[in-house]
Amino acid sequence: MAAEINNESKIESKRENKKLLPYYSDTIHIANPTSENGILCLWTKKERVIEKLSEHNYCFIGQLYSKDYGLQILFRNLLANPQIRNLVIVGVDLNDAGTGLVNFFTKGVDFENKIIDTDITLDDKLTKENLDALRARVKLHDLRKLKNFAKLESYLEKIKPQGLPQGTFSEKIVIPLPNVAPPIRFPTDFSGFKARGDDFYSAYRSLLSKLSRFGIFDPEKKTLTITNIIFFVTKFSYEDKKFLKSRKKGKVKKISEFLHDDKTVKTIIILELDVWDSLKDICRTLMNQENVCLLIGKAYVDEKNLEDVVELLGTAQRVKWEPDPHGNIVIRVEDNLIKATHFSQAGNVLDEFSATNARDLSKKIASSNKISMIYHALDIGGELAKAELALKRGEKYVQDKN
């Protein structure tokens, strides 16, 4: 009964927090709901600051990691809580989110909703009228140089309640979250790309997907390019061969500086390759081989073919679960531990790890390079969380089961 009451109390507390700050309220610590002061500790863990403060001196404390999306969430929460009059920023500013915040309150936004003298553009749901009113209501206190958080307590005590100034809006304004529109191209570290598949179509689609997302466009050459690619086809299917044979026979130029050919893998190194046409011409000459590996220094697509690339990627994708070349992870709960056994594709035991919680075990698995594919890592992460929950509850854990 006590547990039920405690659980109901937590649920009610979350509801109250969401009333004060409607967005990402679970990540924000609420102290005194009647206070006019809010605190942002940027990249510094909020727990380090909380332990130095009396809760009656502030309404909330949160972190600010993103200078773009994070500011958009912050401004929405401040608009939804009109009693906040003071915003104090402390802590480490790793990506200039604090600088963006200072510029917003000191300089404002232009008519394109860009914070003046920054590269931060706010979404159009945050109107300039509301943003200007927010700047008039809230005073920013920039304490980023403060290293001793114990001194923050006395600073907060010196901030006297002011109430709302004459002519400033006092109504609660709740603005919907901005729409998330994934970009066509994503950031990358240019460390290399793998495009592999059981057949040519799967590998080729993977290559074009990476090229369209991470490629760099050269306006002079009119090409979209990525570098350092491993293109691997396990076996050309009947449909692959039919498609490649139907193409007009291309002229394959000298494509490699090194050729390795043995019974297991045929490997070709290619310095530069047009992957829309020339790659198909090369694969036509290799389609009777198995385990074909092309190491491509620079892969590109001409601008004239980009529309065809987008159209191909827009077709229905064949979803296939490919086995991780690094092997499989089998998880069990035993002897008050979460245990993970690493098997090769042939079923041989390669290694075993154990820990009392999912976080520590995931670090052991990741640091030893037991997983090479993203969706395999996501799956194992979910399973480790389930295993930890089963261990804490004393319940039976079965991998891949609810």
Protein backbone atom coordinates (compact mmCIF):
# COMPACT_ATOMS: atom_id res chain seq x y z
CA MET A 1 0.00 0.00 0.00
CA ALA A 2 2.85 2.37 0.87
CA ALA A 3 4.50 1.60 -2.47
CA GLU A 4 1.27 2.45 -4.31
CA ILE A 5 0.97 5.78 -2.45
CA ASN A 6 4.62 6.58 -3.19
CA ASN A 7 4.13 5.76 -6.87
CA GLU A 8 1.02 7.95 -7.06
CA SER A 9 2.98 10.78 -5.42
CA LYS A 10 5.71 10.49 -8.07
CA ILE A 11 3.12 10.55 -10.87
CA GLU A 12 1.48 13.64 -9.36
CA SER A 13 4.88 15.33 -9.01
CA LYS A 14 5.61 14.70 -12.70
CA ARG A 15 2.26 16.21 -13.63
CA GLU A 16 3.00 19.34 -11.60
CA ASN A 17 6.44 19.63 -13.19
CA LYS A 18 4.89 19.42 -16.64
CA LYS A 19 2.51 22.25 -15.74
CA LEU A 20 5.45 24.46 -14.81
CA LEU A 21 7.69 23.46 -17.72
CA PRO A 22 5.80 21.48 -20.38
CA TYR A 23 8.80 20.22 -22.38
CA TYR A 24 11.50 17.79 -21.26
CA SER A 25 10.29 18.22 -17.68
CA ASP A 26 11.70 14.81 -16.68
CA THR A 27 15.21 16.13 -17.28
CA ILE A 28 14.68 19.29 -15.17
CA HIS A 29 14.89 19.46 -11.39
CA ILE A 30 12.03 21.44 -9.83
CA ALA A 31 12.81 22.99 -6.43
CA ASN A 32 10.49 25.86 -5.42
CA PRO A 33 7.59 26.32 -7.89
CA THR A 34 6.89 29.84 -6.55
CA SER A 35 10.42 31.17 -7.09
CA GLU A 36 11.16 33.64 -9.89
CA ASN A 37 14.66 32.21 -10.51
CA GLY A 38 15.70 29.57 -13.03
CA ILE A 39 19.18 28.08 -13.37
CA LEU A 40 20.95 26.58 -16.39
CA CYS A 41 24.23 24.77 -15.80
CA LEU A 42 24.98 24.11 -19.49
CA TRP A 43 27.21 20.99 -19.83
CA THR A 44 28.00 20.75 -16.11
CA LYS A 45 25.95 18.02 -14.40
CA LYS A 46 23.10 19.70 -12.56
CA GLU A 47 23.61 17.43 -9.53
CA ARG A 48 26.93 19.17 -8.84
CA VAL A 49 25.12 22.49 -8.53
CA ILE A 50 22.01 21.20 -6.73
CA GLU A 51 24.01 19.90 -3.77
CA LYS A 52 25.35 23.43 -3.14
CA LEU A 53 21.95 25.18 -3.07
CA SER A 54 18.92 25.62 -0.85
CA GLU A 55 15.86 24.67 -2.85
CA HIS A 56 13.78 27.67 -1.74
CA ASN A 57 16.09 30.00 -3.74
CA TYR A 58 15.20 28.75 -7.23
CA CYS A 59 12.33 27.32 -9.25
CA PHE A 60 14.19 24.95 -11.54
CA ILE A 61 17.64 23.86 -12.65
CA GLY A 62 18.44 22.16 -15.94
CA GLN A 63 21.18 21.69 -18.48
CA LEU A 64 21.65 23.12 -21.96
CA TYR A 65 23.60 20.93 -24.35
CA SER A 66 22.37 22.19 -27.70
CA LYS A 67 22.68 25.80 -28.81
CA ASP A 68 20.04 25.19 -31.47
CA TYR A 69 17.28 22.80 -30.39
CA GLY A 70 18.06 23.29 -26.70
CA LEU A 71 17.42 27.04 -26.89
CA GLN A 72 14.15 26.44 -28.71
CA ILE A 73 12.99 24.15 -25.88
CA LEU A 74 14.20 26.61 -23.22
CA PHE A 75 12.33 29.56 -24.72
CA ARG A 76 9.13 27.51 -24.95
CA ASN A 77 9.40 26.54 -21.28
CA LEU A 78 10.06 30.13 -20.23
CA LEU A 79 7.05 31.36 -22.22
CA ALA A 80 4.92 28.70 -20.53
CA ASN A 81 6.04 29.88 -17.06
CA PRO A 82 5.50 33.67 -16.90
CA GLN A 83 6.57 33.93 -13.24
CA ILE A 84 10.25 33.37 -14.13
CA ARG A 85 12.01 36.75 -13.97
CA ASN A 86 15.68 35.73 -13.60
CA LEU A 87 17.72 33.17 -15.52
CA VAL A 88 21.16 32.32 -14.14
CA ILE A 89 23.69 30.44 -16.30
CA VAL A 90 26.68 28.66 -14.80
CA GLY A 91 28.96 25.77 -15.74
CA VAL A 92 31.01 24.66 -18.72
CA ASP A 93 29.95 26.01 -22.12
CA LEU A 94 31.32 23.48 -24.62
CA ASN A 95 29.43 24.49 -27.75
CA ASP A 96 28.63 28.19 -27.23
CA ALA A 97 25.05 27.55 -26.11
CA GLY A 98 25.66 30.03 -23.29
CA THR A 99 27.04 32.59 -25.73
CA GLY A 100 23.95 32.18 -27.90
CA LEU A 101 21.77 32.73 -24.85
CA VAL A 102 23.68 35.90 -23.87
CA ASN A 103 23.35 37.28 -27.42
CA PHE A 104 19.63 36.54 -27.41
CA PHE A 105 18.98 38.54 -24.23
CA THR A 106 21.38 41.40 -25.07
CA LYS A 107 20.81 41.74 -28.83
CA GLY A 108 17.62 39.86 -29.68
CA VAL A 109 16.63 38.28 -33.01
CA ASP A 110 16.41 39.73 -36.49
CA PHE A 111 13.38 39.48 -38.79
CA GLU A 112 14.51 36.06 -40.00
CA ASN A 113 14.38 34.79 -36.38
CA LYS A 114 18.16 34.51 -36.22
CA ILE A 115 19.83 35.42 -32.93
CA ILE A 116 21.96 38.45 -33.79
CA ASP A 117 25.69 37.80 -34.20
CA THR A 118 25.25 34.01 -34.01
CA ASP A 119 24.52 31.16 -36.45
CA ILE A 120 21.40 30.17 -34.46
CA THR A 121 18.06 30.46 -36.24
CA LEU A 122 14.92 29.80 -34.20
CA ASP A 123 11.87 28.13 -35.70
CA ASP A 124 9.02 30.29 -36.93
CA LYS A 125 6.60 29.05 -34.24
CA LEU A 126 8.57 31.24 -31.84
CA THR A 127 7.33 34.60 -33.07
CA LYS A 128 9.48 37.72 -32.76
CA GLU A 129 6.71 39.33 -30.71
CA ASN A 130 6.80 36.57 -28.10
CA LEU A 131 10.60 36.47 -28.07
CA ASP A 132 10.89 40.23 -27.56
CA ALA A 133 8.37 40.05 -24.71
CA LEU A 134 10.38 37.23 -23.15
CA ARG A 135 13.53 39.36 -23.28
CA ALA A 136 11.68 42.21 -21.56
CA ARG A 137 10.44 39.94 -18.77
CA VAL A 138 13.51 37.83 -17.99
CA LYS A 139 16.87 39.15 -16.79
CA LEU A 140 19.92 37.02 -17.64
CA HIS A 141 22.69 36.56 -15.07
CA ASP A 142 25.86 35.28 -16.75
CA LEU A 143 27.94 33.44 -14.12
CA ARG A 144 29.84 31.11 -16.45
CA LYS A 145 33.13 32.21 -14.89
CA LEU A 146 31.98 31.08 -11.43
CA LYS A 147 33.92 27.92 -10.50
CA ASN A 148 32.91 27.61 -6.85
CA PHE A 149 29.21 26.72 -7.00
CA ALA A 150 28.88 27.22 -3.24
CA LYS A 151 28.99 30.98 -3.94
CA LEU A 152 25.88 30.71 -6.09
CA GLU A 153 23.71 30.43 -2.98
CA SER A 154 24.58 33.93 -1.74
CA TYR A 155 24.13 35.34 -5.25
CA LEU A 156 20.58 33.92 -5.49
CA GLU A 157 19.70 35.33 -2.07
CA LYS A 158 20.62 38.82 -3.28
CA ILE A 159 18.15 38.61 -6.18
CA LYS A 160 15.00 40.22 -4.80
CA PRO A 161 11.52 39.23 -6.03
CA GLN A 162 10.33 41.78 -8.55
CA GLY A 163 6.95 40.68 -9.77
CA LEU A 164 5.90 41.32 -13.33
CA PRO A 165 6.75 44.76 -14.76
CA GLN A 166 4.03 47.04 -16.04
CA GLY A 167 2.97 46.21 -19.58
CA THR A 168 4.63 42.77 -19.67
CA PHE A 169 2.48 39.79 -20.58
CA SER A 170 1.64 37.47 -17.70
CA GLU A 171 -0.35 34.77 -19.44
CA LYS A 172 0.98 31.28 -19.97
CA ILE A 173 1.92 30.74 -23.61
CA VAL A 174 2.35 27.13 -24.73
CA ILE A 175 3.95 26.79 -28.16
CA PRO A 176 4.08 23.36 -29.89
CA LEU A 177 7.48 21.78 -30.44
CA PRO A 178 9.23 22.59 -33.73
CA ASN A 179 8.86 20.15 -36.59
CA VAL A 180 11.90 17.94 -37.07
CA ALA A 181 12.94 17.75 -40.71
CA PRO A 182 15.93 15.40 -41.20
CA PRO A 183 18.47 16.92 -43.60
CA ILE A 184 19.36 15.27 -46.89
CA ARG A 185 23.02 15.04 -45.86
CA PHE A 186 24.31 14.18 -42.40
CA PRO A 187 27.60 15.05 -40.68
CA THR A 188 30.42 12.50 -40.82
CA ASP A 189 34.01 12.06 -39.71
CA PHE A 190 35.09 10.72 -43.14
CA SER A 191 36.63 7.65 -41.49
CA GLY A 192 35.20 5.27 -44.05
CA PHE A 193 31.92 3.65 -45.08
CA LYS A 194 30.78 0.04 -45.42
CA ALA A 195 28.23 -0.87 -48.05
CA ARG A 196 27.66 -4.60 -47.87
CA GLY A 197 24.89 -6.98 -48.84
CA ASP A 198 24.04 -10.60 -49.52
CA ASP A 199 23.35 -9.50 -53.10
CA PHE A 200 24.33 -6.64 -55.40
CA TYR A 201 21.05 -4.73 -55.01
CA SER A 202 21.30 -4.57 -51.20
CA ALA A 203 24.95 -3.46 -51.24
CA TYR A 204 24.32 -0.93 -54.02
CA ARG A 205 21.33 0.58 -52.24
CA SER A 206 23.38 0.86 -49.05
CA LEU A 207 26.16 2.65 -50.96
CA LEU A 208 23.77 5.15 -52.59
CA SER A 209 22.07 5.80 -49.25
CA LYS A 210 25.39 6.68 -47.60
CA LEU A 211 26.40 8.80 -50.58
CA SER A 212 23.14 10.80 -50.52
CA ARG A 213 23.29 11.33 -46.74
CA PHE A 214 26.96 12.01 -46.17
CA GLY A 215 28.26 13.12 -49.57
CA ILE A 216 29.92 16.48 -50.15
CA PHE A 217 28.76 18.40 -53.23
CA ASP A 218 31.44 19.97 -55.44
CA PRO A 219 29.81 22.89 -57.32
CA GLU A 220 32.65 23.07 -59.86
CA LYS A 221 32.73 19.37 -60.79
CA LYS A 222 28.97 19.06 -60.12
CA THR A 223 29.45 15.79 -58.24
CA LEU A 224 28.41 14.37 -54.87
CA THR A 225 31.35 12.50 -53.29
CA ILE A 226 32.29 10.30 -50.33
CA THR A 227 35.69 8.75 -49.65
CA ASN A 228 37.07 5.47 -48.28
CA ILE A 229 34.40 2.90 -49.11
CA ILE A 230 34.26 -0.88 -48.72
CA PHE A 231 31.71 -2.28 -51.18
CA PHE A 232 31.09 -5.98 -50.52
CA VAL A 233 28.74 -8.37 -52.33
CA THR A 234 28.42 -11.91 -50.96
CA LYS A 235 26.81 -13.34 -54.08
CA PHE A 236 25.12 -11.92 -57.17
CA SER A 237 21.50 -13.09 -57.26
CA TYR A 238 19.60 -14.19 -60.35
CA GLU A 239 17.86 -10.78 -60.43
CA ASP A 240 21.23 -9.00 -60.11
CA LYS A 241 22.70 -10.91 -63.04
CA LYS A 242 19.59 -10.36 -65.15
CA PHE A 243 19.76 -6.61 -64.48
CA LEU A 244 23.52 -6.30 -65.13
CA LYS A 245 23.30 -8.33 -68.37
CA SER A 246 20.45 -6.11 -69.60
CA ARG A 247 22.65 -3.04 -69.43
CA LYS A 248 24.47 -1.77 -72.46
CA LYS A 249 27.97 -3.15 -72.14
CA GLY A 250 30.20 -0.42 -70.75
CA LYS A 251 33.86 0.10 -71.38
CA VAL A 252 35.80 -0.82 -68.25
CA LYS A 253 38.99 1.18 -67.98
CA LYS A 254 42.00 0.25 -65.90
CA ILE A 255 40.47 0.51 -62.46
CA SER A 256 42.99 -0.76 -59.97
CA GLU A 257 46.52 -0.49 -58.78
CA PHE A 258 46.31 -3.74 -56.86
CA LEU A 259 44.37 -6.94 -57.46
CA HIS A 260 44.06 -9.73 -54.90
CA ASP A 261 42.31 -12.92 -55.93
CA ASP A 262 42.05 -16.12 -53.93
CA LYS A 263 39.44 -18.80 -53.28
CA THR A 264 37.64 -16.84 -50.56
CA VAL A 265 37.53 -13.15 -51.55
CA LYS A 266 38.13 -11.25 -54.78
CA THR A 267 39.44 -7.80 -53.83
CA ILE A 268 39.95 -4.84 -56.15
CA ILE A 269 41.31 -1.44 -55.16
CA ILE A 270 39.82 1.46 -57.14
CA LEU A 271 41.11 4.99 -56.71
CA GLU A 272 38.06 6.86 -58.06
CA LEU A 273 34.75 5.59 -59.38
CA ASP A 274 31.44 6.86 -60.76
CA VAL A 275 29.09 4.58 -58.84
CA TRP A 276 26.02 5.26 -60.97
CA ASP A 277 27.36 3.77 -64.21
CA SER A 278 30.95 2.54 -63.91
CA LEU A 279 30.32 0.48 -60.77
CA LYS A 280 27.61 -1.48 -62.62
CA ASP A 281 29.96 -2.02 -65.56
CA ILE A 282 32.63 -3.43 -63.23
CA CYS A 283 30.15 -5.66 -61.40
CA ARG A 284 28.94 -7.02 -64.75
CA THR A 285 32.44 -8.47 -65.25
CA LEU A 286 32.44 -9.90 -61.70
CA MET A 287 28.90 -11.23 -61.37
CA ASN A 288 29.93 -14.90 -61.54
CA GLN A 289 32.24 -14.40 -58.56
CA GLU A 290 31.32 -14.71 -54.89
CA ASN A 291 32.56 -12.52 -52.03
CA VAL A 292 33.49 -9.56 -54.22
CA CYS A 293 35.13 -6.68 -52.35
CA LEU A 294 35.80 -3.30 -53.95
CA LEU A 295 37.95 -0.86 -51.99
CA ILE A 296 37.03 2.55 -53.43
CA GLY A 297 39.13 5.60 -52.60
CA LYS A 298 36.57 8.11 -53.89
CA ALA A 299 32.99 7.31 -54.96
CA TYR A 300 30.92 9.96 -56.70
CA VAL A 301 27.68 10.57 -58.59
CA ASP A 302 27.25 13.27 -61.24
CA GLU A 303 24.64 15.92 -60.59
CA LYS A 304 22.65 14.80 -63.64
CA ASN A 305 22.07 11.38 -62.00
CA LEU A 306 21.12 12.61 -58.50
CA GLU A 307 17.40 12.65 -59.29
CA ASP A 308 17.62 8.98 -60.33
CA VAL A 309 19.44 8.18 -57.08
CA VAL A 310 16.69 9.80 -55.01
CA GLU A 311 14.03 7.94 -57.00
CA LEU A 312 15.79 4.59 -56.48
CA LEU A 313 16.12 5.17 -52.73
CA GLY A 314 12.47 6.18 -52.58
CA THR A 315 11.30 2.76 -53.71
CA ALA A 316 10.23 0.16 -51.15
CA GLN A 317 13.21 -1.11 -49.28
CA ARG A 318 13.78 -4.80 -48.70
CA VAL A 319 14.24 -5.13 -44.95
CA LYS A 320 16.72 -7.87 -44.10
CA TRP A 321 18.41 -8.69 -40.83
CA GLU A 322 22.02 -9.33 -41.72
CA PRO A 323 24.17 -11.24 -39.24
CA ASP A 324 26.94 -9.28 -37.55
CA PRO A 325 30.31 -10.42 -38.93
CA HIS A 326 31.77 -9.98 -35.44
CA GLY A 327 29.40 -12.65 -34.09
CA ASN A 328 26.38 -12.93 -31.82
CA ILE A 329 25.82 -11.93 -28.20
CA VAL A 330 23.75 -14.26 -25.99
CA ILE A 331 22.54 -12.72 -22.72
CA ARG A 332 21.36 -14.42 -19.54
CA VAL A 333 20.77 -13.55 -15.88
CA GLU A 334 22.56 -15.86 -13.50
CA ASP A 335 24.15 -15.75 -10.02
CA ASN A 336 22.90 -12.16 -9.48
CA LEU A 337 24.79 -11.05 -12.58
CA ILE A 338 23.97 -10.16 -16.18
CA LYS A 339 26.17 -12.38 -18.35
CA ALA A 340 26.91 -11.96 -22.05
CA THR A 341 28.52 -14.73 -24.11
CA HIS A 342 30.11 -13.83 -27.44
CA PHE A 343 29.69 -16.50 -30.16
CA SER A 344 31.21 -16.60 -33.64
CA GLN A 345 28.94 -17.10 -36.65
CA ALA A 346 29.99 -20.76 -36.55
CA GLY A 347 28.74 -21.03 -32.97
CA ASN A 348 32.08 -21.10 -31.15
CA VAL A 349 32.39 -19.31 -27.82
CA LEU A 350 34.78 -16.40 -28.22
CA ASP A 351 34.47 -14.55 -24.93
CA GLU A 352 32.24 -13.88 -21.93
CA PHE A 353 31.50 -10.78 -19.86
CA SER A 354 29.44 -10.12 -16.76
CA ALA A 355 28.32 -7.16 -14.65
CA THR A 356 25.61 -6.19 -12.20
CA ASN A 357 24.07 -3.55 -14.47
CA ALA A 358 23.46 -2.85 -18.15
CA ARG A 359 25.68 0.24 -18.37
CA ASP A 360 28.86 -1.49 -17.16
CA LEU A 361 28.26 -4.55 -19.32
CA SER A 362 27.56 -2.47 -22.44
CA LYS A 363 30.86 -0.63 -21.92
CA LYS A 364 32.74 -3.94 -21.72
CA ILE A 365 31.11 -5.21 -24.92
CA ALA A 366 31.63 -1.94 -26.82
CA SER A 367 35.25 -1.40 -25.75
CA SER A 368 36.24 -4.88 -26.93
CA ASN A 369 34.68 -4.38 -30.42
CA LYS A 370 32.30 -7.32 -30.12
CA ILE A 371 29.66 -5.56 -32.24
CA SER A 372 30.17 -4.02 -35.69
CA MET A 373 26.64 -3.15 -36.85
CA ILE A 374 24.49 -0.33 -35.48
CA TYR A 375 21.17 -2.21 -35.37
CA HIS A 376 22.89 -5.12 -33.59
CA ALA A 377 24.21 -2.68 -30.97
CA LEU A 378 20.75 -1.13 -30.49
CA ASP A 379 19.19 -4.57 -30.09
CA ILE A 380 21.77 -5.67 -27.51
CA GLY A 381 21.36 -2.38 -25.63
CA GLY A 382 17.62 -3.00 -25.31
CA GLU A 383 18.19 -6.58 -24.18
CA LEU A 384 20.70 -5.52 -21.52
CA ALA A 385 18.17 -3.02 -20.13
CA LYS A 386 15.55 -5.80 -19.94
CA ALA A 387 18.03 -8.12 -18.27
CA GLU A 388 18.87 -5.48 -15.63
CA LEU A 389 15.16 -4.94 -14.92
CA ALA A 390 14.62 -8.69 -14.54
CA LEU A 391 17.61 -8.92 -12.20
CA LYS A 392 16.31 -6.11 -9.97
CA ARG A 393 12.78 -7.55 -9.86
CA GLY A 394 13.91 -11.13 -9.40
CA GLU A 395 12.03 -12.15 -12.53
CA LYS A 396 12.98 -14.61 -15.27
CA TYR A 397 14.80 -13.12 -18.27
CA VAL A 398 14.61 -14.64 -21.76
CA GLN A 399 16.43 -12.95 -24.63
CA ASP A 400 14.26 -11.65 -27.50
CA LYS A 401 11.07 -12.21 -25.47
CA ASN A 402 8.80 -9.63 -23.83
